[in-house]
């Protein structure tokens, strides 16, 4: 008889049926534990409220239809923008239709493979800076690692986007105010629940509006300075310059300052918040499974952290699989919401026009009828035929189809690289009296943080 495998932490599902108001209370506390357990086996589930109907789709064929087959018939739900509008304005994350297509035509060229290679040195410098910041903390005392990965991810964004480190006065101020914004922004805004007309006020908290205004003011300062540098011919060749000088191939128009502020806000939110989450959980999982951690450390010895070369990434195959498996178990964005633009039929069930179509990477990645041992940590699964098939059918940490995250390739270099740099230098261990428990608001984070002990490797 063998012992049951040690399983990564997973939030308990809610017990049985609950009223709408009870569900909303649970939802505001944590999106994941508000859901029933049967969603880990269901191909589809319907949820009704007095104001709208919602359909969660776990059937890979339905997911494929919504994201790849007919994406224009399932635009992003306006309910998604309600809580995010004060910060994100009219950014690519929440727009639809021709506005969104125009934004992607300008943004996408900045994240093509060649451009990612060009900003790789800045990414590397951010990783080395993170290693150095952890040095005073590597004494075996508990460290809240999410704060450290958040710092590192924000540093990556500012170095690659504006060629400034997180220590820069404006970059640091944005980072600090964003932490304040996270604490004040609710998961669910009134406008996401009730069918309010566009003119009706959304009653965002004063602190939410204040922090969003401060962040946008700081980003406007950076954007205006870059606009001036571009006109003067002195701008560095980074992501901001590339995006701000790329004309729409159909109209010839570039982003103006306000539009660029919207896009920078989502780059910072999506590129920093999600990467911080994924990296923190990857480190926690390696602390849970020290054999895997030692293998990643051994792999990382193949490169010299003093020399920057892009070919390093081809050597970090194990680190890449660990990062992939971490995002399978803890997808940074746990749920996505689309809206049916016309009447549909899903699995012989009528889906009225205007229904909310929920796609849940969290449940899809742990679906008991798709994945083998779905709740176990096994980076090796991606090297098996079954794992590769599941990755094609039921793995979408960056969404999929035309709305796939433009920074997905960027993230899949940033994550394994920083993970390898950290594990090469330090050993990460669990803090026994502070186990992590995932909760989801905007991203999947630790309920009371993610605590680890850090010591230097011999």
Protein backbone atom coordinates (compact mmCIF):
# COMPACT_ATOMS: atom_id res chain seq x y z
CA UNK A 1 0.00 0.00 0.00
CA UNK A 2 1.43 3.40 -1.03
CA UNK A 3 0.78 6.75 0.56
CA UNK A 4 -1.50 9.16 -1.28
CA UNK A 5 0.46 11.82 -3.19
CA UNK A 6 0.91 15.23 -1.62
CA UNK A 7 -1.52 17.53 -3.44
CA UNK A 8 -1.11 21.26 -4.03
CA UNK A 9 -3.61 23.45 -2.15
CA UNK A 10 -7.06 23.76 -3.68
CA UNK A 11 -9.95 25.81 -2.28
CA UNK A 12 -12.94 23.84 -1.03
CA UNK A 13 -16.03 23.97 -3.24
CA UNK A 14 -19.20 25.48 -1.84
CA UNK A 15 -21.61 22.95 -0.29
CA UNK A 16 -24.86 22.49 -2.23
CA UNK A 17 -27.16 25.15 -3.64
CA UNK A 18 -27.27 28.69 -2.29
CA UNK A 19 -29.42 31.75 -2.88
CA UNK A 20 -28.32 34.45 -5.30
CA UNK A 21 -27.41 36.84 -2.50
CA UNK A 22 -25.48 34.15 -0.65
CA UNK A 23 -23.67 33.33 -3.88
CA UNK A 24 -22.76 36.97 -4.44
CA UNK A 25 -21.40 37.20 -0.91
CA UNK A 26 -19.26 34.10 -1.49
CA UNK A 27 -18.23 35.40 -4.93
CA UNK A 28 -17.01 38.72 -3.51
CA UNK A 29 -14.88 36.79 -1.01
CA UNK A 30 -13.43 34.32 -3.52
CA UNK A 31 -14.56 33.38 -7.04
CA UNK A 32 -13.25 29.81 -6.78
CA UNK A 33 -14.72 28.58 -3.49
CA UNK A 34 -18.09 30.11 -4.48
CA UNK A 35 -18.45 27.42 -7.19
CA UNK A 36 -19.92 23.90 -6.68
CA UNK A 37 -17.72 20.81 -6.91
CA UNK A 38 -19.60 19.28 -9.86
CA UNK A 39 -18.08 21.91 -12.20
CA UNK A 40 -14.87 19.85 -12.16
CA UNK A 41 -16.79 17.13 -14.02
CA UNK A 42 -19.55 18.99 -15.88
CA UNK A 43 -19.31 19.76 -19.59
CA UNK A 44 -21.68 22.69 -19.12
CA UNK A 45 -23.64 24.32 -16.32
CA UNK A 46 -26.37 26.96 -16.32
CA UNK A 47 -26.79 29.63 -13.70
CA UNK A 48 -29.86 31.93 -13.60
CA UNK A 49 -30.31 35.27 -11.91
CA UNK A 50 -33.23 37.72 -12.11
CA UNK A 51 -31.13 39.85 -14.47
CA UNK A 52 -29.23 37.48 -16.76
CA UNK A 53 -28.49 33.85 -17.56
CA UNK A 54 -25.00 32.45 -17.42
CA UNK A 55 -23.57 29.30 -19.01
CA UNK A 56 -20.22 27.87 -17.93
CA UNK A 57 -18.67 25.84 -20.74
CA UNK A 58 -16.07 23.18 -20.01
CA UNK A 59 -16.68 21.18 -23.19
CA UNK A 60 -13.52 21.72 -25.29
CA UNK A 61 -15.65 21.90 -28.46
CA UNK A 62 -17.71 24.75 -27.00
CA UNK A 63 -14.61 26.54 -25.76
CA UNK A 64 -13.13 26.20 -29.24
CA UNK A 65 -16.34 27.54 -30.82
CA UNK A 66 -16.43 30.62 -28.57
CA UNK A 67 -12.74 31.53 -28.75
CA UNK A 68 -11.70 30.29 -32.19
CA UNK A 69 -14.63 29.22 -34.32
CA UNK A 70 -16.91 32.27 -34.10
CA UNK A 71 -15.24 34.77 -31.74
CA UNK A 72 -17.08 37.80 -33.18
CA UNK A 73 -20.37 36.21 -32.13
CA UNK A 74 -19.12 36.03 -28.54
CA UNK A 75 -17.65 39.45 -27.70
CA UNK A 76 -16.24 40.21 -24.29
CA UNK A 77 -19.05 40.91 -21.87
CA UNK A 78 -19.57 44.56 -20.93
CA UNK A 79 -19.93 43.30 -17.36
CA UNK A 80 -16.17 42.68 -17.35
CA UNK A 81 -15.42 46.38 -17.77
CA UNK A 82 -17.59 47.59 -14.88
CA UNK A 83 -15.04 47.15 -12.10
CA UNK A 84 -12.01 47.90 -14.28
CA UNK A 85 -13.12 51.03 -16.13
CA UNK A 86 -11.64 53.62 -13.68
CA UNK A 87 -8.13 52.28 -14.34
CA UNK A 88 -8.28 50.77 -17.82
CA UNK A 89 -10.43 53.30 -19.66
CA UNK A 90 -10.92 51.96 -23.17
CA UNK A 91 -8.00 49.53 -23.25
CA UNK A 92 -7.64 46.50 -25.50
CA UNK A 93 -8.56 44.21 -22.60
CA UNK A 94 -12.18 45.38 -22.47
CA UNK A 95 -13.01 46.69 -25.96
CA UNK A 96 -14.82 44.79 -28.72
CA UNK A 97 -15.47 44.97 -32.44
CA UNK A 98 -13.65 47.37 -34.72
CA UNK A 99 -12.14 49.35 -31.83
CA UNK A 100 -10.51 46.20 -30.45
CA UNK A 101 -9.33 45.06 -33.89
CA UNK A 102 -7.71 48.43 -34.53
CA UNK A 103 -5.95 48.31 -31.16
CA UNK A 104 -4.61 44.81 -31.79
CA UNK A 105 -3.34 45.79 -35.26
CA UNK A 106 -1.16 48.42 -33.57
CA UNK A 107 -0.14 46.43 -30.47
CA UNK A 108 0.58 42.97 -31.88
CA UNK A 109 3.73 43.88 -33.88
CA UNK A 110 5.44 44.96 -30.63
CA UNK A 111 5.15 41.44 -29.21
CA UNK A 112 6.29 39.44 -32.24
CA UNK A 113 9.11 36.97 -31.69
CA UNK A 114 11.87 39.25 -32.90
CA UNK A 115 10.78 42.09 -30.63
CA UNK A 116 10.71 39.82 -27.58
CA UNK A 117 14.30 38.84 -28.38
CA UNK A 118 15.23 42.54 -28.48
CA UNK A 119 13.84 43.26 -24.99
CA UNK A 120 15.27 40.03 -23.55
CA UNK A 121 18.32 41.81 -22.01
CA UNK A 122 15.98 44.09 -20.05
CA UNK A 123 14.04 41.05 -18.86
CA UNK A 124 17.31 39.39 -17.82
CA UNK A 125 18.41 42.50 -15.90
CA UNK A 126 15.11 42.50 -14.01
CA UNK A 127 15.62 38.84 -13.08
CA UNK A 128 19.16 39.49 -11.81
CA UNK A 129 17.86 42.51 -9.85
CA UNK A 130 15.27 40.24 -8.22
CA UNK A 131 18.00 37.75 -7.24
CA UNK A 132 19.96 40.59 -5.62
CA UNK A 133 16.91 41.95 -3.77
CA UNK A 134 16.33 38.56 -2.17
CA UNK A 135 19.89 38.28 -0.85
CA UNK A 136 19.19 40.05 2.49
CA UNK A 137 16.09 37.84 2.95
CA UNK A 138 17.89 34.52 2.40
CA UNK A 139 18.33 33.78 6.11
CA UNK A 140 15.70 31.08 6.53
CA UNK A 141 13.07 33.40 7.96
CA UNK A 142 9.54 33.43 6.45
CA UNK A 143 9.21 35.71 3.42
CA UNK A 144 5.95 36.68 1.70
CA UNK A 145 7.00 35.72 -1.81
CA UNK A 146 4.09 37.30 -3.72
CA UNK A 147 5.38 40.73 -2.75
CA UNK A 148 8.76 39.82 -4.20
CA UNK A 149 7.41 38.36 -7.46
CA UNK A 150 5.11 41.36 -7.84
CA UNK A 151 8.13 43.65 -7.51
CA UNK A 152 10.05 41.59 -10.09
CA UNK A 153 7.16 41.50 -12.58
CA UNK A 154 6.62 45.25 -12.31
CA UNK A 155 10.34 45.75 -12.89
CA UNK A 156 10.13 43.66 -16.08
CA UNK A 157 7.23 45.75 -17.37
CA UNK A 158 8.94 49.11 -16.83
CA UNK A 159 12.33 47.97 -18.16
CA UNK A 160 10.86 46.47 -21.34
CA UNK A 161 8.16 49.08 -21.90
CA UNK A 162 9.88 52.34 -20.93
CA UNK A 163 13.55 51.35 -20.41
CA UNK A 164 13.43 52.35 -16.73
CA UNK A 165 13.90 50.14 -13.65
CA UNK A 166 11.35 49.87 -10.87
CA UNK A 167 13.63 52.15 -8.79
CA UNK A 168 12.77 55.04 -11.15
CA UNK A 169 10.69 57.64 -9.28
CA UNK A 170 7.62 57.42 -11.52
CA UNK A 171 7.79 53.63 -11.96
CA UNK A 172 8.02 53.15 -8.21
CA UNK A 173 5.09 55.50 -7.63
CA UNK A 174 2.93 53.56 -10.13
CA UNK A 175 3.83 50.29 -8.42
CA UNK A 176 2.99 51.65 -4.96
CA UNK A 177 -0.33 53.15 -6.04
CA UNK A 178 -1.26 49.96 -7.85
CA UNK A 179 -0.91 48.04 -4.59
CA UNK A 180 -3.30 50.55 -3.03
CA UNK A 181 -5.67 50.16 -5.99
CA UNK A 182 -5.74 46.38 -5.58
CA UNK A 183 -6.86 46.73 -1.99
CA UNK A 184 -9.76 49.04 -2.86
CA UNK A 185 -11.10 47.61 -6.14
CA UNK A 186 -14.03 45.20 -5.56
CA UNK A 187 -14.39 41.93 -7.45
CA UNK A 188 -17.96 42.75 -8.45
CA UNK A 189 -19.27 46.23 -9.24
CA UNK A 190 -22.98 46.98 -9.10
CA UNK A 191 -23.02 47.42 -12.87
CA UNK A 192 -21.79 43.85 -13.34
CA UNK A 193 -24.89 42.50 -11.59
CA UNK A 194 -27.73 44.83 -12.51
CA UNK A 195 -28.73 45.79 -16.09
CA UNK A 196 -27.98 49.48 -15.56
CA UNK A 197 -28.16 52.01 -18.44
CA UNK A 198 -24.85 53.49 -19.55
CA UNK A 199 -25.67 56.90 -18.08
CA UNK A 200 -26.34 55.48 -14.60
CA UNK A 201 -23.46 56.07 -12.12
CA UNK A 202 -21.45 52.94 -11.18
CA UNK A 203 -20.70 53.96 -7.58
CA UNK A 204 -17.05 52.99 -7.57
CA UNK A 205 -15.42 53.49 -4.20
CA UNK A 206 -13.74 56.83 -3.76
CA UNK A 207 -10.41 55.10 -3.02
CA UNK A 208 -10.74 53.05 -6.22
CA UNK A 209 -11.28 56.18 -8.31
CA UNK A 210 -8.53 58.10 -6.53
CA UNK A 211 -5.87 55.41 -6.95
CA UNK A 212 -6.87 54.82 -10.59
CA UNK A 213 -6.63 58.55 -11.30
CA UNK A 214 -3.19 58.74 -9.68
CA UNK A 215 -1.89 55.75 -11.68
CA UNK A 216 -3.22 57.17 -14.95
CA UNK A 217 -1.68 60.58 -14.17
CA UNK A 218 1.73 58.98 -13.65
CA UNK A 219 1.42 56.87 -16.81
CA UNK A 220 0.37 60.00 -18.73
CA UNK A 221 3.59 61.67 -17.57
CA UNK A 222 5.69 58.76 -18.88
CA UNK A 223 3.73 58.63 -22.14
CA UNK A 224 3.94 62.37 -22.78
CA UNK A 225 7.70 62.33 -22.12
CA UNK A 226 8.11 59.45 -24.54
CA UNK A 227 6.03 61.24 -27.19
CA UNK A 228 8.39 64.21 -26.86
CA UNK A 229 11.46 61.95 -27.12
CA UNK A 230 10.05 60.31 -30.24
CA UNK A 231 9.55 63.71 -31.87
CA UNK A 232 13.10 64.67 -30.89
CA UNK A 233 14.55 61.42 -32.23
CA UNK A 234 16.01 60.45 -28.84
CA UNK A 235 13.57 57.70 -27.77
CA UNK A 236 14.99 54.27 -26.85
CA UNK A 237 13.93 51.35 -29.04
CA UNK A 238 11.69 49.65 -26.50
CA UNK A 239 8.09 48.41 -26.48
CA UNK A 240 6.56 51.83 -25.76
CA UNK A 241 8.38 53.42 -28.71
CA UNK A 242 7.41 50.54 -30.97
CA UNK A 243 3.72 50.76 -30.05
CA UNK A 244 3.56 54.55 -30.17
CA UNK A 245 5.19 54.73 -33.61
CA UNK A 246 3.25 51.85 -35.21
CA UNK A 247 0.44 53.15 -37.45
CA UNK A 248 -2.72 51.18 -37.99
CA UNK A 249 -2.06 49.51 -41.37
CA UNK A 250 -5.63 50.24 -42.43
CA UNK A 251 -5.98 53.89 -41.39
CA UNK A 252 -2.40 55.06 -40.93
CA UNK A 253 -3.25 56.55 -37.51
CA UNK A 254 -1.18 55.92 -34.37
CA UNK A 255 -2.37 55.92 -30.76
CA UNK A 256 -2.79 59.38 -29.26
CA UNK A 257 -1.66 60.01 -25.67
CA UNK A 258 -4.99 59.07 -24.05
CA UNK A 259 -5.23 55.83 -26.02
CA UNK A 260 -1.66 54.95 -25.13
CA UNK A 261 -2.35 55.56 -21.44
CA UNK A 262 -5.23 53.05 -21.66
CA UNK A 263 -2.94 50.45 -23.21
CA UNK A 264 -0.07 51.01 -20.77
CA UNK A 265 -2.53 50.60 -17.90
CA UNK A 266 -3.54 47.14 -19.14
CA UNK A 267 0.06 46.17 -19.93
CA UNK A 268 0.92 46.95 -16.34
CA UNK A 269 -2.17 45.28 -14.89
CA UNK A 270 -2.12 42.15 -17.06
CA UNK A 271 1.62 41.85 -17.56
CA UNK A 272 2.56 42.48 -13.95
CA UNK A 273 -0.32 41.05 -11.94
CA UNK A 274 -0.59 37.78 -13.84
CA UNK A 275 3.17 37.16 -14.05
CA UNK A 276 3.54 37.83 -10.32
CA UNK A 277 0.82 35.28 -9.56
CA UNK A 278 2.24 32.60 -11.84
CA UNK A 279 5.80 33.01 -10.55
CA UNK A 280 4.78 32.96 -6.88
CA UNK A 281 2.81 29.73 -7.31
CA UNK A 282 5.66 28.15 -9.29
CA UNK A 283 8.03 28.84 -6.40
CA UNK A 284 5.52 27.50 -3.88
CA UNK A 285 5.09 24.29 -5.87
CA UNK A 286 8.85 23.81 -6.11
CA UNK A 287 9.05 24.27 -2.34
CA UNK A 288 6.40 21.56 -1.98
CA UNK A 289 8.31 19.23 -4.30
CA UNK A 290 12.04 19.72 -3.54
CA UNK A 291 13.09 16.98 -6.00
CA UNK A 292 11.64 19.02 -8.86
CA UNK A 293 13.27 22.14 -7.42
CA UNK A 294 16.69 20.48 -7.41
CA UNK A 295 16.22 19.43 -11.03
CA UNK A 296 15.35 23.00 -12.05
CA UNK A 297 18.42 24.26 -10.15
CA UNK A 298 20.64 21.72 -11.88
CA UNK A 299 19.26 22.75 -15.28
CA UNK A 300 19.91 26.41 -14.46
CA UNK A 301 23.61 25.70 -13.89
CA UNK A 302 23.95 25.38 -17.67
CA UNK A 303 24.02 29.16 -18.11
CA UNK A 304 26.09 32.00 -16.71
CA UNK A 305 23.92 34.69 -15.09
CA UNK A 306 26.63 37.25 -15.85
CA UNK A 307 26.20 36.78 -19.61
CA UNK A 308 23.03 37.69 -21.43
CA UNK A 309 22.13 35.51 -24.41
CA UNK A 310 18.70 34.60 -25.76
CA UNK A 311 19.74 31.03 -26.60
CA UNK A 312 19.61 30.36 -22.85
CA UNK A 313 15.85 29.84 -23.19
CA UNK A 314 16.33 26.73 -25.35
CA UNK A 315 18.16 25.13 -22.39
CA UNK A 316 15.42 25.80 -19.84
CA UNK A 317 12.98 23.09 -20.93
CA UNK A 318 12.29 21.77 -17.44
CA UNK A 319 11.78 25.25 -16.04
CA UNK A 320 9.34 25.91 -18.87
CA UNK A 321 7.35 22.76 -18.06
CA UNK A 322 7.30 23.65 -14.35
CA UNK A 323 5.96 27.10 -15.23
CA UNK A 324 3.36 25.57 -17.56
CA UNK A 325 2.22 23.13 -14.88
CA UNK A 326 2.03 25.94 -12.32
CA UNK A 327 -0.28 27.87 -14.64
CA UNK A 328 -2.34 24.74 -15.22
CA UNK A 329 -2.96 24.37 -11.49
CA UNK A 330 -3.13 28.11 -10.79
CA UNK A 331 -4.11 29.95 -13.99
CA UNK A 332 -3.57 33.65 -13.20
CA UNK A 333 -6.93 34.63 -14.75
CA UNK A 334 -9.33 31.95 -13.48
CA UNK A 335 -12.43 32.87 -15.49
CA UNK A 336 -13.31 34.77 -18.68
CA UNK A 337 -16.73 36.11 -19.60
CA UNK A 338 -18.14 36.44 -23.10
CA UNK A 339 -21.65 37.36 -24.24
CA UNK A 340 -23.83 35.61 -26.79
CA UNK A 341 -24.49 38.21 -29.51
CA UNK A 342 -27.29 36.10 -31.00
CA UNK A 343 -29.41 33.11 -29.88
CA UNK A 344 -27.35 29.92 -29.64
CA UNK A 345 -27.77 26.25 -28.84
CA UNK A 346 -25.14 24.62 -26.61
CA UNK A 347 -25.38 20.86 -26.01
CA UNK A 348 -29.06 20.87 -27.01
CA UNK A 349 -29.86 23.70 -24.63
CA UNK A 350 -31.09 27.14 -25.74
CA UNK A 351 -28.74 30.01 -24.99
CA UNK A 352 -30.68 33.29 -25.35
CA UNK A 353 -29.10 36.37 -26.89
CA UNK A 354 -27.32 38.38 -24.20
CA UNK A 355 -26.50 35.36 -22.06
CA UNK A 356 -23.15 35.35 -20.28
CA UNK A 357 -20.81 32.61 -21.50
CA UNK A 358 -18.23 31.79 -18.83
CA UNK A 359 -15.00 30.03 -19.77
CA UNK A 360 -13.05 28.86 -16.75
CA UNK A 361 -9.37 27.99 -17.15
CA UNK A 362 -9.46 27.03 -13.46
CA UNK A 363 -12.03 24.27 -14.00
CA UNK A 364 -10.90 23.32 -17.49
CA UNK A 365 -7.31 22.81 -16.31
CA UNK A 366 -8.50 20.55 -13.48
CA UNK A 367 -11.33 18.81 -15.31
CA UNK A 368 -11.60 15.22 -14.10
CA UNK A 369 -12.83 13.90 -17.47
CA UNK A 370 -9.98 15.48 -19.44
CA UNK A 371 -6.78 15.42 -17.38
CA UNK A 372 -5.07 12.43 -15.78
CA UNK A 373 -4.55 13.13 -12.05
CA UNK A 374 -5.80 16.70 -12.50
CA UNK A 375 -4.99 17.93 -8.98
CA UNK A 376 -1.42 16.57 -8.92
CA UNK A 377 1.71 18.55 -9.72
CA UNK A 378 3.52 16.79 -12.56
CA UNK A 379 5.56 18.96 -14.95
CA UNK A 380 6.50 15.80 -16.83
CA UNK A 381 2.95 15.39 -18.12
CA UNK A 382 3.65 17.82 -20.98
CA UNK A 383 6.20 15.43 -22.46
CA UNK A 384 3.65 12.61 -22.82
CA UNK A 385 1.27 12.17 -25.80
CA UNK A 386 -1.73 12.47 -23.44
CA UNK A 387 -0.39 15.64 -21.84
CA UNK A 388 0.34 17.23 -25.20
CA UNK A 389 -3.19 16.45 -26.37
CA UNK A 390 -4.69 17.93 -23.20
CA UNK A 391 -2.58 21.03 -23.69
CA UNK A 392 -4.09 21.45 -27.15
CA UNK A 393 -7.66 20.76 -26.01
CA UNK A 394 -7.95 22.13 -22.50
CA UNK A 395 -5.13 24.51 -21.61
CA UNK A 396 -5.63 28.25 -21.97
CA UNK A 397 -3.83 30.34 -19.32
CA UNK A 398 -3.57 33.14 -21.92
CA UNK A 399 -7.01 32.60 -23.48
CA UNK A 400 -6.99 31.41 -27.13
CA UNK A 401 -8.00 32.39 -30.64
CA UNK A 402 -7.95 35.98 -31.85
CA UNK A 403 -8.15 37.33 -28.30
CA UNK A 404 -5.17 35.36 -27.02
CA UNK A 405 -3.01 37.55 -24.80
CA UNK A 406 -0.56 39.43 -27.06
CA UNK A 407 2.09 39.02 -24.37
CA UNK A 408 1.83 35.22 -24.06
CA UNK A 409 5.21 34.56 -25.71
CA UNK A 410 6.69 37.36 -23.57
CA UNK A 411 5.34 35.71 -20.39
CA UNK A 412 6.62 32.26 -21.37
CA UNK A 413 10.14 33.68 -21.54
CA UNK A 414 9.90 35.92 -18.49
CA UNK A 415 8.47 33.23 -16.17
CA UNK A 416 10.91 30.35 -16.79
CA UNK A 417 13.87 32.75 -16.94
CA UNK A 418 13.23 34.42 -13.57
CA UNK A 419 12.27 31.08 -12.02
CA UNK A 420 15.60 29.59 -13.12
CA UNK A 421 17.62 32.60 -11.96
CA UNK A 422 16.02 32.42 -8.50
CA UNK A 423 16.23 28.65 -8.00
CA UNK A 424 19.80 28.62 -9.28
CA UNK A 425 20.79 30.93 -6.43
CA UNK A 426 18.37 30.04 -3.62
CA UNK A 427 16.55 27.12 -2.05
CA UNK A 428 12.85 27.72 -1.30
CA UNK A 429 11.12 25.82 1.52
CA UNK A 430 7.60 25.76 2.92
CA UNK A 431 6.66 27.54 6.13
CA UNK A 432 4.80 24.80 7.99
CA UNK A 433 2.48 27.04 10.00
CA UNK A 434 1.63 29.25 7.01
CA UNK A 435 0.26 27.01 4.25
CA UNK A 436 -0.95 28.80 1.13
CA UNK A 437 -4.56 28.69 -0.04
CA UNK A 438 -5.52 30.11 -3.44
CA UNK A 439 -8.27 32.69 -3.73
CA UNK A 440 -9.33 34.46 -6.90
CA UNK A 441 -10.32 38.05 -7.31
CA UNK A 442 -8.87 39.52 -10.47
CA UNK A 443 -6.07 36.91 -10.42
CA UNK A 444 -5.34 33.78 -8.38
CA UNK A 445 -3.31 34.79 -5.33
CA UNK A 446 -2.68 33.43 -1.83
CA UNK A 447 -5.48 34.05 0.65
CA UNK A 448 -3.02 35.20 3.32
CA UNK A 449 -0.05 35.54 1.01
CA UNK A 450 2.41 32.86 -0.09
CA UNK A 451 5.09 32.36 2.55
CA UNK A 452 8.40 30.63 1.93
CA UNK A 453 11.78 30.32 3.63
CA UNK A 454 14.76 31.26 1.47
CA UNK A 455 18.36 30.13 1.92
CA UNK A 456 21.36 30.28 -0.38
CA UNK A 457 22.32 27.14 -2.27
CA UNK A 458 25.73 25.69 -1.59
